Amino acid sequence: MPVTQDEVAKLQKELALLYRVTRDVFRLELDEVLKEIVSVAEEVSAADSVLVYVVSGSARDLVLRASKNPHPALLQQVSLKQGEGITGWVASQQQPVALDQGAGQDPRFKHFRNLPEDRYEAFLSVPIIGKRGVVGVINVQHQQPHAHSEMEVNLLTAVGRLVGAAVENALLIEETLALKEALELRKLVERAKGILMKRRSLDEEEAYKLIQRESMDRRKSLKEICEAILLMDQLEPKQ
């Protein structure tokens, strides 16, 4: 059977989108990578919602990191364990799930009271797979019943595989930067404790509790309190 012009146009669109993914998604910042994934997933599915979960921590929980609809209070707060909910099932099985309607009735579905998308009818979820396995999950949802075409499922699955290395690299960079910041904060706290121990004749535990108390009372971070202690020490005359 000869290929129609519509089929050729559709294939060209798919190839153009996949080329865009490989061209644009390899960036350093994880948030930028995830933002591009949301944009591509929306274009593939014309979905009302796109949520991207990323594997995090030693327990490899799936943490919500990006969304088409604004959920600033929920990002990095909503999480699922491997195998929990449809999202966790997709991650553990490394297989897509496509539900055309009644997604919330699926026995694997886990409801989050603060996510309005939980009331949407159609649900398509695909794994993001890197070199070392699953690094995340892409969920696209429609408010009304939506028949997911084979092309839609296959294309989004391909996107999940194409962006896997980019997400993996960005996660590694983020973890490295977080470790560096943690080490720098630890050094800062040690210096601030030393100043308090010397100037106020406190032991190490008392000095640290004082820093913590000031942080809570003033609603400042530990880093800000420690930097203030170091600055005051530099400004005060040496005895």
C-alpha atoms as a PDB file:
ATOM      1  CA  MET A   1       0.000   0.000   0.000  1.00  0.00           C
ATOM      2  CA  PRO A   2       1.490   3.377  -1.008  1.00  0.00           C
ATOM      3  CA  VAL A   3       2.254   5.904   1.711  1.00  0.00           C
ATOM      4  CA  THR A   4      -0.151   8.865   1.724  1.00  0.00           C
ATOM      5  CA  GLN A   5       0.884  12.508   1.937  1.00  0.00           C
ATOM      6  CA  ASP A   6      -0.700  12.745   5.399  1.00  0.00           C
ATOM      7  CA  GLU A   7       1.410   9.814   6.608  1.00  0.00           C
ATOM      8  CA  VAL A   8       4.551  11.382   5.155  1.00  0.00           C
ATOM      9  CA  ALA A   9       3.733  14.697   6.840  1.00  0.00           C
ATOM     10  CA  LYS A  10       3.127  12.926  10.148  1.00  0.00           C
ATOM     11  CA  LEU A  11       6.417  11.051   9.881  1.00  0.00           C
ATOM     12  CA  GLN A  12       8.262  14.264   9.081  1.00  0.00           C
ATOM     13  CA  LYS A  13       6.730  15.919  12.130  1.00  0.00           C
ATOM     14  CA  GLU A  14       7.793  12.996  14.341  1.00  0.00           C
ATOM     15  CA  LEU A  15      11.348  13.073  13.023  1.00  0.00           C
ATOM     16  CA  ALA A  16      11.538  16.845  13.480  1.00  0.00           C
ATOM     17  CA  LEU A  17      10.372  16.522  17.076  1.00  0.00           C
ATOM     18  CA  LEU A  18      12.888  13.768  17.862  1.00  0.00           C
ATOM     19  CA  TYR A  19      15.640  15.871  16.280  1.00  0.00           C
ATOM     20  CA  ARG A  20      14.593  18.788  18.478  1.00  0.00           C
ATOM     21  CA  VAL A  21      14.869  16.557  21.554  1.00  0.00           C
ATOM     22  CA  THR A  22      18.404  15.413  20.726  1.00  0.00           C
ATOM     23  CA  ARG A  23      19.439  18.983  19.842  1.00  0.00           C
ATOM     24  CA  ASP A  24      17.967  20.959  22.727  1.00  0.00           C
ATOM     25  CA  VAL A  25      17.688  18.729  25.764  1.00  0.00           C
ATOM     26  CA  PHE A  26      21.384  18.226  26.534  1.00  0.00           C
ATOM     27  CA  ARG A  27      21.925  21.132  28.925  1.00  0.00           C
ATOM     28  CA  LEU A  28      23.634  21.349  32.278  1.00  0.00           C
ATOM     29  CA  GLU A  29      20.789  22.567  34.483  1.00  0.00           C
ATOM     30  CA  LEU A  30      18.319  19.862  35.476  1.00  0.00           C
ATOM     31  CA  ASP A  31      15.432  22.345  35.626  1.00  0.00           C
ATOM     32  CA  GLU A  32      16.119  23.381  32.022  1.00  0.00           C
ATOM     33  CA  VAL A  33      16.208  19.759  30.874  1.00  0.00           C
ATOM     34  CA  LEU A  34      12.905  19.005  32.613  1.00  0.00           C
ATOM     35  CA  LYS A  35      11.274  22.157  31.219  1.00  0.00           C
ATOM     36  CA  GLU A  36      12.182  21.021  27.700  1.00  0.00           C
ATOM     37  CA  ILE A  37      10.800  17.530  28.408  1.00  0.00           C
ATOM     38  CA  VAL A  38       7.480  19.059  29.533  1.00  0.00           C
ATOM     39  CA  SER A  39       7.325  21.148  26.347  1.00  0.00           C
ATOM     40  CA  VAL A  40       8.044  18.162  24.088  1.00  0.00           C
ATOM     41  CA  ALA A  41       5.598  15.872  25.919  1.00  0.00           C
ATOM     42  CA  GLU A  42       2.867  18.490  25.602  1.00  0.00           C
ATOM     43  CA  GLU A  43       3.535  18.792  21.883  1.00  0.00           C
ATOM     44  CA  VAL A  44       3.443  15.003  21.410  1.00  0.00           C
ATOM     45  CA  SER A  45       0.169  14.480  23.241  1.00  0.00           C
ATOM     46  CA  ALA A  46      -1.640  17.863  23.342  1.00  0.00           C
ATOM     47  CA  ALA A  47      -2.197  16.985  26.999  1.00  0.00           C
ATOM     48  CA  ASP A  48      -3.897  19.092  29.662  1.00  0.00           C
ATOM     49  CA  SER A  49      -1.208  18.107  32.142  1.00  0.00           C
ATOM     50  CA  VAL A  50       2.409  16.993  32.021  1.00  0.00           C
ATOM     51  CA  LEU A  51       4.203  15.890  35.186  1.00  0.00           C
ATOM     52  CA  VAL A  52       7.821  14.757  35.310  1.00  0.00           C
ATOM     53  CA  TYR A  53       9.147  12.709  38.220  1.00  0.00           C
ATOM     54  CA  VAL A  54      12.876  12.186  38.817  1.00  0.00           C
ATOM     55  CA  VAL A  55      14.611   9.448  40.790  1.00  0.00           C
ATOM     56  CA  SER A  56      16.172  10.879  43.939  1.00  0.00           C
ATOM     57  CA  GLY A  57      18.177   9.703  46.936  1.00  0.00           C
ATOM     58  CA  SER A  58      19.535   6.330  47.969  1.00  0.00           C
ATOM     59  CA  ALA A  59      15.992   4.942  48.201  1.00  0.00           C
ATOM     60  CA  ARG A  60      15.474   5.955  44.547  1.00  0.00           C
ATOM     61  CA  ASP A  61      12.108   7.540  45.286  1.00  0.00           C
ATOM     62  CA  LEU A  62      10.333   9.331  42.434  1.00  0.00           C
ATOM     63  CA  VAL A  63      10.051  13.054  43.217  1.00  0.00           C
ATOM     64  CA  LEU A  64       7.866  15.506  41.280  1.00  0.00           C
ATOM     65  CA  ARG A  65      10.269  18.005  39.706  1.00  0.00           C
ATOM     66  CA  ALA A  66       8.424  19.608  36.761  1.00  0.00           C
ATOM     67  CA  SER A  67       4.858  20.344  35.671  1.00  0.00           C
ATOM     68  CA  LYS A  68       3.052  21.967  32.768  1.00  0.00           C
ATOM     69  CA  ASN A  69       0.503  23.459  35.192  1.00  0.00           C
ATOM     70  CA  PRO A  70       2.043  25.598  37.950  1.00  0.00           C
ATOM     71  CA  HIS A  71       2.413  23.696  41.230  1.00  0.00           C
ATOM     72  CA  PRO A  72       5.217  25.581  43.024  1.00  0.00           C
ATOM     73  CA  ALA A  73       4.169  24.315  46.457  1.00  0.00           C
ATOM     74  CA  LEU A  74       4.177  20.685  45.314  1.00  0.00           C
ATOM     75  CA  LEU A  75       7.393  20.468  43.320  1.00  0.00           C
ATOM     76  CA  GLN A  76       9.944  18.380  45.241  1.00  0.00           C
ATOM     77  CA  GLN A  77       7.241  17.668  47.848  1.00  0.00           C
ATOM     78  CA  VAL A  78       5.195  14.966  46.103  1.00  0.00           C
ATOM     79  CA  SER A  79       7.043  11.656  45.942  1.00  0.00           C
ATOM     80  CA  LEU A  80       6.397   7.986  45.237  1.00  0.00           C
ATOM     81  CA  LYS A  81       8.362   4.874  46.032  1.00  0.00           C
ATOM     82  CA  GLN A  82       9.446   2.482  43.327  1.00  0.00           C
ATOM     83  CA  GLY A  83       6.405   0.347  42.481  1.00  0.00           C
ATOM     84  CA  GLU A  84       3.965   2.770  44.163  1.00  0.00           C
ATOM     85  CA  GLY A  85       1.129   4.125  42.042  1.00  0.00           C
ATOM     86  CA  ILE A  86       1.100   3.918  38.266  1.00  0.00           C
ATOM     87  CA  THR A  87       4.174   6.151  38.166  1.00  0.00           C
ATOM     88  CA  GLY A  88       6.119   3.828  40.453  1.00  0.00           C
ATOM     89  CA  TRP A  89       4.919   0.789  38.516  1.00  0.00           C
ATOM     90  CA  VAL A  90       6.161   2.303  35.243  1.00  0.00           C
ATOM     91  CA  ALA A  91       9.543   3.006  36.854  1.00  0.00           C
ATOM     92  CA  SER A  92       9.937  -0.466  38.347  1.00  0.00           C
ATOM     93  CA  GLN A  93       8.734  -2.309  35.239  1.00  0.00           C
ATOM     94  CA  GLN A  94      10.307   0.074  32.691  1.00  0.00           C
ATOM     95  CA  GLN A  95       7.119  -0.143  30.621  1.00  0.00           C
ATOM     96  CA  PRO A  96       4.573   2.491  29.547  1.00  0.00           C
ATOM     97  CA  VAL A  97       0.975   2.551  30.770  1.00  0.00           C
ATOM     98  CA  ALA A  98      -1.812   4.072  28.643  1.00  0.00           C
ATOM     99  CA  LEU A  99      -5.305   4.497  30.128  1.00  0.00           C
ATOM    100  CA  ASP A 100      -7.868   6.130  27.847  1.00  0.00           C
ATOM    101  CA  GLN A 101     -10.393   6.852  30.609  1.00  0.00           C
ATOM    102  CA  GLY A 102     -11.123   6.241  34.278  1.00  0.00           C
ATOM    103  CA  ALA A 103      -7.448   6.475  35.209  1.00  0.00           C
ATOM    104  CA  GLY A 104      -8.253   7.079  38.865  1.00  0.00           C
ATOM    105  CA  GLN A 105     -10.088   3.746  39.027  1.00  0.00           C
ATOM    106  CA  ASP A 106      -7.014   1.738  38.085  1.00  0.00           C
ATOM    107  CA  PRO A 107      -5.961  -0.341  41.140  1.00  0.00           C
ATOM    108  CA  ARG A 108      -2.381   0.916  40.773  1.00  0.00           C
ATOM    109  CA  PHE A 109      -3.401   4.586  40.892  1.00  0.00           C
ATOM    110  CA  LYS A 110      -2.282   6.588  43.953  1.00  0.00           C
ATOM    111  CA  HIS A 111      -4.257   9.735  44.733  1.00  0.00           C
ATOM    112  CA  PHE A 112      -2.723  12.990  45.965  1.00  0.00           C
ATOM    113  CA  ARG A 113      -5.302  15.336  47.432  1.00  0.00           C
ATOM    114  CA  ASN A 114      -3.456  18.469  46.331  1.00  0.00           C
ATOM    115  CA  LEU A 115      -2.998  17.407  42.714  1.00  0.00           C
ATOM    116  CA  PRO A 116      -6.071  18.356  40.639  1.00  0.00           C
ATOM    117  CA  GLU A 117      -4.721  16.180  37.813  1.00  0.00           C
ATOM    118  CA  ASP A 118      -5.711  13.141  39.856  1.00  0.00           C
ATOM    119  CA  ARG A 119      -9.286  13.742  38.701  1.00  0.00           C
ATOM    120  CA  TYR A 120      -8.371  13.677  35.001  1.00  0.00           C
ATOM    121  CA  GLU A 121      -9.707  10.827  32.887  1.00  0.00           C
ATOM    122  CA  ALA A 122      -6.857   9.774  30.567  1.00  0.00           C
ATOM    123  CA  PHE A 123      -3.344   8.923  31.700  1.00  0.00           C
ATOM    124  CA  LEU A 124      -0.190   8.027  29.760  1.00  0.00           C
ATOM    125  CA  SER A 125       2.995   7.291  31.656  1.00  0.00           C
ATOM    126  CA  VAL A 126       6.402   6.367  30.217  1.00  0.00           C
ATOM    127  CA  PRO A 127       9.796   5.756  31.855  1.00  0.00           C
ATOM    128  CA  ILE A 128      12.840   7.981  31.373  1.00  0.00           C
ATOM    129  CA  ILE A 129      15.684   5.519  30.907  1.00  0.00           C
ATOM    130  CA  GLY A 130      19.385   6.357  31.136  1.00  0.00           C
ATOM    131  CA  LYS A 131      22.495   4.229  30.855  1.00  0.00           C
ATOM    132  CA  ARG A 132      22.120   2.975  34.418  1.00  0.00           C
ATOM    133  CA  GLY A 133      18.389   2.329  34.334  1.00  0.00           C
ATOM    134  CA  VAL A 134      15.288   4.388  35.074  1.00  0.00           C
ATOM    135  CA  VAL A 135      15.977   7.982  36.119  1.00  0.00           C
ATOM    136  CA  GLY A 136      12.422   9.323  35.951  1.00  0.00           C
ATOM    137  CA  VAL A 137       8.892   9.093  34.594  1.00  0.00           C
ATOM    138  CA  ILE A 138       6.845  11.315  32.273  1.00  0.00           C
ATOM    139  CA  ASN A 139       3.090  11.479  32.894  1.00  0.00           C
ATOM    140  CA  VAL A 140       0.687  13.143  30.455  1.00  0.00           C
ATOM    141  CA  GLN A 141      -2.997  13.493  31.299  1.00  0.00           C
ATOM    142  CA  HIS A 142      -6.207  14.639  29.633  1.00  0.00           C
ATOM    143  CA  GLN A 143      -9.229  15.942  31.527  1.00  0.00           C
ATOM    144  CA  GLN A 144     -11.609  14.086  29.223  1.00  0.00           C
ATOM    145  CA  PRO A 145     -11.334  10.528  27.849  1.00  0.00           C
ATOM    146  CA  HIS A 146      -8.604  10.376  25.239  1.00  0.00           C
ATOM    147  CA  ALA A 147      -7.702   7.469  22.954  1.00  0.00           C
ATOM    148  CA  HIS A 148      -3.909   7.227  22.964  1.00  0.00           C
ATOM    149  CA  SER A 149      -2.730   6.337  19.479  1.00  0.00           C
ATOM    150  CA  GLU A 150       0.073   3.859  18.938  1.00  0.00           C
ATOM    151  CA  MET A 151       2.112   6.714  17.468  1.00  0.00           C
ATOM    152  CA  GLU A 152       1.579   8.833  20.587  1.00  0.00           C
ATOM    153  CA  VAL A 153       2.647   6.047  22.953  1.00  0.00           C
ATOM    154  CA  ASN A 154       5.646   5.044  20.851  1.00  0.00           C
ATOM    155  CA  LEU A 155       6.796   8.628  20.308  1.00  0.00           C
ATOM    156  CA  LEU A 156       6.602   9.567  23.976  1.00  0.00           C
ATOM    157  CA  THR A 157       8.371   6.312  24.884  1.00  0.00           C
ATOM    158  CA  ALA A 158      11.125   7.223  22.415  1.00  0.00           C
ATOM    159  CA  VAL A 159      11.386  10.678  24.007  1.00  0.00           C
ATOM    160  CA  GLY A 160      11.766   9.027  27.422  1.00  0.00           C
ATOM    161  CA  ARG A 161      14.715   7.023  26.117  1.00  0.00           C
ATOM    162  CA  LEU A 162      16.315   9.910  24.245  1.00  0.00           C
ATOM    163  CA  VAL A 163      16.309  12.272  27.242  1.00  0.00           C
ATOM    164  CA  GLY A 164      17.505   9.634  29.712  1.00  0.00           C
ATOM    165  CA  ALA A 165      21.211  10.427  29.349  1.00  0.00           C
ATOM    166  CA  ALA A 166      20.557  14.172  29.641  1.00  0.00           C
ATOM    167  CA  VAL A 167      18.568  13.731  32.859  1.00  0.00           C
ATOM    168  CA  GLU A 168      21.206  11.357  34.211  1.00  0.00           C
ATOM    169  CA  ASN A 169      24.011  13.843  33.525  1.00  0.00           C
ATOM    170  CA  ALA A 170      22.051  16.773  34.967  1.00  0.00           C
ATOM    171  CA  LEU A 171      21.256  14.774  38.114  1.00  0.00           C
ATOM    172  CA  LEU A 172      24.923  13.946  38.578  1.00  0.00           C
ATOM    173  CA  ILE A 173      25.870  17.619  38.279  1.00  0.00           C
ATOM    174  CA  GLU A 174      23.115  18.630  40.720  1.00  0.00           C
ATOM    175  CA  GLU A 175      24.230  15.994  43.253  1.00  0.00           C
ATOM    176  CA  THR A 176      27.866  17.098  42.927  1.00  0.00           C
ATOM    177  CA  LEU A 177      26.939  20.747  43.498  1.00  0.00           C
ATOM    178  CA  ALA A 178      24.742  19.807  46.479  1.00  0.00           C
ATOM    179  CA  LEU A 179      27.617  17.837  48.025  1.00  0.00           C
ATOM    180  CA  LYS A 180      29.980  20.752  47.505  1.00  0.00           C
ATOM    181  CA  GLU A 181      27.518  23.175  49.133  1.00  0.00           C
ATOM    182  CA  ALA A 182      27.029  20.781  52.059  1.00  0.00           C
ATOM    183  CA  LEU A 183      30.786  20.570  52.643  1.00  0.00           C
ATOM    184  CA  GLU A 184      31.148  24.353  52.451  1.00  0.00           C
ATOM    185  CA  LEU A 185      28.289  24.824  54.943  1.00  0.00           C
ATOM    186  CA  ARG A 186      29.871  22.314  57.317  1.00  0.00           C
ATOM    187  CA  LYS A 187      33.147  24.261  57.256  1.00  0.00           C
ATOM    188  CA  LEU A 188      31.246  27.517  57.831  1.00  0.00           C
ATOM    189  CA  VAL A 189      29.378  26.073  60.824  1.00  0.00           C
ATOM    190  CA  GLU A 190      32.628  24.762  62.326  1.00  0.00           C
ATOM    191  CA  ARG A 191      34.223  28.214  62.074  1.00  0.00           C
ATOM    192  CA  ALA A 192      31.155  29.914  63.600  1.00  0.00           C
ATOM    193  CA  LYS A 193      31.037  27.379  66.444  1.00  0.00           C
ATOM    194  CA  GLY A 194      34.714  27.998  67.141  1.00  0.00           C
ATOM    195  CA  ILE A 195      34.119  31.738  67.461  1.00  0.00           C
ATOM    196  CA  LEU A 196      31.179  31.273  69.857  1.00  0.00           C
ATOM    197  CA  MET A 197      33.069  28.729  71.921  1.00  0.00           C
ATOM    198  CA  LYS A 198      35.968  31.151  72.328  1.00  0.00           C
ATOM    199  CA  ARG A 199      34.016  34.385  72.872  1.00  0.00           C
ATOM    200  CA  ARG A 200      31.212  32.991  75.067  1.00  0.00           C
ATOM    201  CA  SER A 201      32.996  30.088  76.729  1.00  0.00           C
ATOM    202  CA  LEU A 202      30.546  27.573  75.306  1.00  0.00           C
ATOM    203  CA  ASP A 203      31.162  23.925  74.562  1.00  0.00           C
ATOM    204  CA  GLU A 204      30.651  22.624  71.006  1.00  0.00           C
ATOM    205  CA  GLU A 205      27.078  21.416  71.542  1.00  0.00           C
ATOM    206  CA  GLU A 206      25.991  24.675  73.196  1.00  0.00           C
ATOM    207  CA  ALA A 207      27.509  26.708  70.373  1.00  0.00           C
ATOM    208  CA  TYR A 208      25.706  24.671  67.720  1.00  0.00           C
ATOM    209  CA  LYS A 209      22.363  24.904  69.562  1.00  0.00           C
ATOM    210  CA  LEU A 210      22.780  28.672  69.766  1.00  0.00           C
ATOM    211  CA  ILE A 211      23.321  28.853  66.000  1.00  0.00           C
ATOM    212  CA  GLN A 212      20.238  26.676  65.419  1.00  0.00           C
ATOM    213  CA  ARG A 213      18.120  28.792  67.776  1.00  0.00           C
ATOM    214  CA  GLU A 214      19.171  32.021  66.074  1.00  0.00           C
ATOM    215  CA  SER A 215      18.366  30.459  62.700  1.00  0.00           C
ATOM    216  CA  MET A 216      14.829  29.542  63.798  1.00  0.00           C
ATOM    217  CA  ASP A 217      14.121  32.751  65.731  1.00  0.00           C
ATOM    218  CA  ARG A 218      15.304  35.030  62.932  1.00  0.00           C
ATOM    219  CA  ARG A 219      14.005  32.782  60.138  1.00  0.00           C
ATOM    220  CA  LYS A 220      17.400  32.779  58.516  1.00  0.00           C
ATOM    221  CA  SER A 221      19.362  29.863  57.109  1.00  0.00           C
ATOM    222  CA  LEU A 222      22.267  28.338  59.022  1.00  0.00           C
ATOM    223  CA  LYS A 223      24.570  29.733  56.365  1.00  0.00           C
ATOM    224  CA  GLU A 224      23.285  33.295  56.897  1.00  0.00           C
ATOM    225  CA  ILE A 225      23.653  33.049  60.695  1.00  0.00           C
ATOM    226  CA  CYS A 226      27.175  31.634  60.436  1.00  0.00           C
ATOM    227  CA  GLU A 227      28.226  34.304  57.951  1.00  0.00           C
ATOM    228  CA  ALA A 228      26.874  36.985  60.324  1.00  0.00           C
ATOM    229  CA  ILE A 229      28.888  35.505  63.211  1.00  0.00           C
ATOM    230  CA  LEU A 230      32.042  35.500  61.102  1.00  0.00           C
ATOM    231  CA  LEU A 231      31.431  39.094  60.002  1.00  0.00           C
ATOM    232  CA  MET A 232      30.887  40.304  63.592  1.00  0.00           C
ATOM    233  CA  ASP A 233      34.065  38.536  64.624  1.00  0.00           C
ATOM    234  CA  GLN A 234      35.989  40.378  61.919  1.00  0.00           C
ATOM    235  CA  LEU A 235      34.483  43.757  62.923  1.00  0.00           C
ATOM    236  CA  GLU A 236      34.964  43.424  66.664  1.00  0.00           C
ATOM    237  CA  PRO A 237      38.326  44.591  68.024  1.00  0.00           C
ATOM    238  CA  LYS A 238      40.717  41.773  68.896  1.00  0.00           C
ATOM    239  CA  GLN A 239      41.625  41.504  72.542  1.00  0.00           C
END
